[in-house]
């Protein structure tokens, strides 16, 4: 039972090992995809196109796994120097801030119209997250804000706090 629960059921829809770690299945699948892409990278002629098309197609079926493809696309853009190139253009600074506000407006409209289809909301959030990350990484001002001490503090401490609040809540509610 220990081996079955630890290595199989945790990553399948058969049961939830821990409600707060529900993403484990997607993280395992996404990790395998990243490792496979890294292995095959030397044979890819157009890796950016592969990552973007993979992300868009997977957004329709498995939005959480699509995030791994968008992450690889952003990494490819960084490797190719696209973000550094865009940071040198003042016009792009304005466009990236407009892109950021468009993503926020998109989220506000989604909330205002109260879309109840949970799956469509996840798909929209996947695209919005990719837009936000692209805007943040291609703008000096936005990138500096994300590298501020408070942002780094929150980034370093949010996941451990997230993990520890489960046992605290369960203990208090028992």
Protein backbone atom coordinates (compact mmCIF):
# COMPACT_ATOMS: atom_id res chain seq x y z
CA UNK A 1 0.00 0.00 0.00
CA UNK A 2 2.84 2.39 0.84
CA UNK A 3 4.54 1.87 -2.53
CA UNK A 4 1.26 2.00 -4.45
CA UNK A 5 0.11 5.20 -2.74
CA UNK A 6 3.50 6.91 -2.91
CA UNK A 7 4.42 6.13 -6.50
CA UNK A 8 1.15 5.54 -8.35
CA UNK A 9 -2.04 6.86 -6.76
CA UNK A 10 -0.49 10.23 -5.95
CA UNK A 11 -0.02 10.92 -9.65
CA UNK A 12 -3.35 9.58 -10.87
CA UNK A 13 -6.95 10.67 -10.47
CA UNK A 14 -7.68 7.58 -8.38
CA UNK A 15 -7.34 9.47 -5.16
CA UNK A 16 -5.83 12.53 -3.60
CA UNK A 17 -2.96 11.90 -1.23
CA UNK A 18 -3.00 15.40 0.15
CA UNK A 19 -5.49 18.03 -1.00
CA UNK A 20 -2.84 20.72 -0.91
CA UNK A 21 -0.50 18.78 -3.20
CA UNK A 22 -3.05 18.11 -5.95
CA UNK A 23 -0.62 19.40 -8.58
CA UNK A 24 1.81 16.49 -8.15
CA UNK A 25 0.36 14.60 -11.11
CA UNK A 26 0.85 17.58 -13.43
CA UNK A 27 4.32 18.26 -12.07
CA UNK A 28 5.39 14.68 -12.78
CA UNK A 29 4.01 14.72 -16.32
CA UNK A 30 5.48 18.17 -16.96
CA UNK A 31 8.87 17.10 -15.65
CA UNK A 32 8.93 14.12 -17.99
CA UNK A 33 7.99 16.43 -20.88
CA UNK A 34 10.80 18.85 -20.02
CA UNK A 35 13.34 16.03 -19.75
CA UNK A 36 12.18 14.57 -23.07
CA UNK A 37 12.37 18.00 -24.73
CA UNK A 38 15.88 18.55 -23.37
CA UNK A 39 16.93 15.14 -24.68
CA UNK A 40 15.47 15.85 -28.13
CA UNK A 41 16.50 19.52 -28.21
CA UNK A 42 19.61 18.97 -30.36
CA UNK A 43 17.43 17.48 -33.12
CA UNK A 44 14.76 20.21 -33.05
CA UNK A 45 14.95 22.59 -36.00
CA UNK A 46 12.49 25.13 -34.58
CA UNK A 47 12.28 24.56 -30.81
CA UNK A 48 10.38 27.79 -30.10
CA UNK A 49 7.65 26.88 -32.58
CA UNK A 50 7.47 23.38 -31.11
CA UNK A 51 7.10 24.74 -27.55
CA UNK A 52 4.51 27.37 -28.51
CA UNK A 53 2.39 25.01 -30.62
CA UNK A 54 2.62 22.34 -27.92
CA UNK A 55 1.53 24.85 -25.29
CA UNK A 56 -1.39 26.15 -27.34
CA UNK A 57 -2.63 22.66 -28.22
CA UNK A 58 -2.27 21.39 -24.66
CA UNK A 59 -4.14 24.44 -23.33
CA UNK A 60 -7.23 22.93 -24.93
CA UNK A 61 -6.80 19.54 -23.24
CA UNK A 62 -4.51 19.89 -20.22
CA UNK A 63 -3.86 23.53 -19.32
CA UNK A 64 -1.63 22.73 -16.35
CA UNK A 65 0.71 20.65 -18.50
CA UNK A 66 0.63 23.38 -21.18
CA UNK A 67 2.34 25.69 -18.68
CA UNK A 68 5.47 23.55 -18.96
CA UNK A 69 5.53 24.12 -22.74
CA UNK A 70 5.06 27.86 -22.27
CA UNK A 71 7.85 27.82 -19.69
CA UNK A 72 10.16 26.13 -22.19
CA UNK A 73 9.15 28.72 -24.82
CA UNK A 74 10.02 31.54 -22.43
CA UNK A 75 13.34 29.86 -21.68
CA UNK A 76 14.04 29.59 -25.40
CA UNK A 77 13.25 33.28 -25.85
CA UNK A 78 15.65 34.11 -23.01
CA UNK A 79 18.34 31.89 -24.55
CA UNK A 80 17.87 33.57 -27.94
CA UNK A 81 18.26 37.03 -26.35
CA UNK A 82 14.76 38.18 -27.25
CA UNK A 83 14.06 39.66 -23.81
CA UNK A 84 17.35 41.59 -23.74
CA UNK A 85 16.63 42.88 -27.25
CA UNK A 86 13.11 44.01 -26.30
CA UNK A 87 14.37 45.74 -23.15
CA UNK A 88 16.46 48.10 -25.26
CA UNK A 89 13.43 49.45 -27.14
CA UNK A 90 11.46 52.17 -25.36
CA UNK A 91 8.37 51.46 -27.44
CA UNK A 92 8.32 47.89 -26.21
CA UNK A 93 8.32 49.08 -22.59
CA UNK A 94 4.96 50.74 -23.21
CA UNK A 95 3.63 47.75 -25.14
CA UNK A 96 4.62 45.31 -22.39
CA UNK A 97 2.89 47.42 -19.76
CA UNK A 98 -0.21 47.51 -21.98
CA UNK A 99 0.08 43.71 -22.27
CA UNK A 100 0.27 43.47 -18.49
CA UNK A 101 -2.81 45.65 -18.06
CA UNK A 102 -4.62 43.68 -20.80
CA UNK A 103 -4.05 40.49 -18.82
CA UNK A 104 -5.35 42.19 -15.66
CA UNK A 105 -8.36 43.59 -17.56
CA UNK A 106 -8.98 40.14 -19.05
CA UNK A 107 -9.03 38.73 -15.52
CA UNK A 108 -11.37 41.45 -14.28
CA UNK A 109 -13.77 40.83 -17.17
CA UNK A 110 -13.66 37.11 -16.48
CA UNK A 111 -14.58 37.80 -12.86
CA UNK A 112 -17.23 40.43 -13.70
CA UNK A 113 -19.10 38.18 -16.10
CA UNK A 114 -18.80 35.36 -13.57
CA UNK A 115 -17.91 32.58 -15.93
CA UNK A 116 -18.89 29.37 -14.21
CA UNK A 117 -17.10 26.96 -16.50
CA UNK A 118 -14.11 26.13 -14.34
CA UNK A 119 -12.21 24.48 -17.19
CA UNK A 120 -12.49 27.52 -19.47
CA UNK A 121 -11.22 29.70 -16.64
CA UNK A 122 -8.15 27.46 -16.25
CA UNK A 123 -7.49 27.67 -19.99
CA UNK A 124 -7.79 31.47 -19.92
CA UNK A 125 -5.51 31.67 -16.88
CA UNK A 126 -2.88 29.56 -18.66
CA UNK A 127 -2.75 32.00 -21.58
CA UNK A 128 -2.88 34.97 -19.22
CA UNK A 129 0.02 33.58 -17.15
CA UNK A 130 2.16 33.19 -20.28
CA UNK A 131 1.31 36.77 -21.31
CA UNK A 132 2.18 38.09 -17.85
CA UNK A 133 5.52 36.29 -17.72
CA UNK A 134 6.42 37.49 -21.21
CA UNK A 135 5.56 41.09 -20.26
CA UNK A 136 7.49 40.87 -16.98
CA UNK A 137 10.63 39.37 -18.50
CA UNK A 138 10.78 41.81 -21.40
CA UNK A 139 10.47 45.04 -19.40
CA UNK A 140 13.27 46.42 -17.21
CA UNK A 141 10.94 48.22 -14.80
CA UNK A 142 8.66 45.21 -14.29
CA UNK A 143 11.61 42.85 -13.95
CA UNK A 144 13.19 45.09 -11.30
CA UNK A 145 9.91 45.06 -9.38
CA UNK A 146 9.91 41.26 -9.43
CA UNK A 147 13.53 41.23 -8.21
CA UNK A 148 12.81 43.55 -5.29
CA UNK A 149 13.58 42.32 -1.79
CA UNK A 150 9.90 41.94 -0.85
CA UNK A 151 9.13 39.97 -4.01
CA UNK A 152 12.13 37.67 -3.48
CA UNK A 153 11.15 37.21 0.17
CA UNK A 154 7.63 36.20 -0.84
CA UNK A 155 8.98 33.88 -3.53
CA UNK A 156 11.30 32.11 -1.11
CA UNK A 157 8.74 31.76 1.67
CA UNK A 158 5.35 31.28 0.03
CA UNK A 159 5.65 27.58 -0.85
CA UNK A 160 6.97 26.47 2.57
CA UNK A 161 4.14 28.44 4.20
CA UNK A 162 1.68 26.84 1.80
CA UNK A 163 2.91 23.37 2.76
CA UNK A 164 2.90 23.99 6.50
CA UNK A 165 -0.58 25.48 6.69
CA UNK A 166 -2.11 22.07 5.87
CA UNK A 167 -0.93 20.29 9.05
CA UNK A 168 -1.72 23.37 11.12
CA UNK A 169 -5.27 23.59 9.76
CA UNK A 170 -5.85 19.86 10.17
CA UNK A 171 -4.49 19.94 13.73
CA UNK A 172 -6.66 22.87 14.71
CA UNK A 173 -9.78 21.34 13.17
CA UNK A 174 -9.29 17.88 14.72
